[in-house]
Amino acid sequence: MNGTPQPPHDAPSATAANEAIRHFVAGRTSWTPEELAELDRLRAAWRAAVRAEVVRAA
């Protein structure tokens, strides 16, 4: 094991995670603390998906 955390096997692809972010932010002009927390969660899922895809490609 290389020590790098791996996303769960059911984690979304980077494309799907990016689409989830786009959908979530579409049309928003203000943000509640809860919405910002959800945006942070979605961004973390996207970053994990990108890392996983880069590792698989390497």
Protein backbone atom coordinates (compact mmCIF):
# COMPACT_ATOMS: atom_id res chain seq x y z
CA MET A 1 0.00 0.00 0.00
CA ASN A 2 1.38 3.43 -0.93
CA GLY A 3 -0.13 5.44 1.95
CA THR A 4 -2.22 7.65 -0.33
CA PRO A 5 -5.88 7.57 0.68
CA GLN A 6 -8.04 6.11 -2.04
CA PRO A 7 -11.63 7.19 -2.66
CA PRO A 8 -14.32 4.56 -2.21
CA HIS A 9 -15.00 2.41 -5.24
CA ASP A 10 -18.42 4.04 -5.57
CA ALA A 11 -16.92 7.56 -5.60
CA PRO A 12 -18.06 9.70 -8.54
CA SER A 13 -15.84 10.30 -11.55
CA ALA A 14 -14.17 13.71 -11.81
CA THR A 15 -16.65 14.59 -14.55
CA ALA A 16 -19.64 13.62 -12.42
CA ALA A 17 -18.23 15.44 -9.38
CA ASN A 18 -17.63 18.55 -11.48
CA GLU A 19 -21.19 18.40 -12.80
CA ALA A 20 -22.50 18.12 -9.22
CA ILE A 21 -20.61 21.30 -8.31
CA ARG A 22 -21.91 23.13 -11.39
CA HIS A 23 -25.47 22.08 -10.61
CA PHE A 24 -25.15 23.09 -6.96
CA VAL A 25 -23.78 26.58 -7.68
CA ALA A 26 -25.98 27.40 -10.68
CA GLY A 27 -27.92 30.59 -10.12
CA ARG A 28 -26.81 31.17 -6.53
CA THR A 29 -26.19 34.75 -5.44
CA SER A 30 -25.81 34.20 -1.70
CA TRP A 31 -24.59 31.34 0.45
CA THR A 32 -25.60 30.06 3.89
CA PRO A 33 -22.95 28.43 6.08
CA GLU A 34 -24.60 25.07 5.38
CA GLU A 35 -24.43 25.63 1.63
CA LEU A 36 -20.77 26.59 1.88
CA ALA A 37 -20.11 23.41 3.85
CA GLU A 38 -21.83 21.37 1.13
CA LEU A 39 -19.78 23.16 -1.53
CA ASP A 40 -16.61 22.27 0.40
CA ARG A 41 -17.77 18.63 0.52
CA LEU A 42 -18.45 18.59 -3.22
CA ARG A 43 -15.05 20.15 -3.94
CA ALA A 44 -13.32 17.54 -1.77
CA ALA A 45 -15.12 14.78 -3.69
CA TRP A 46 -13.99 16.37 -6.97
CA ARG A 47 -10.36 16.62 -5.81
CA ALA A 48 -10.40 12.98 -4.69
CA ALA A 49 -11.86 11.90 -8.03
CA VAL A 50 -9.22 13.83 -9.97
CA ARG A 51 -6.43 12.30 -7.85
CA ALA A 52 -7.85 8.81 -8.40
CA GLU A 53 -8.05 9.33 -12.16
CA VAL A 54 -4.48 10.63 -12.31
CA VAL A 55 -3.22 7.67 -10.30
CA ARG A 56 -5.08 5.22 -12.56
CA ALA A 57 -3.64 6.94 -15.64
CA ALA A 58 -0.07 6.76 -14.33
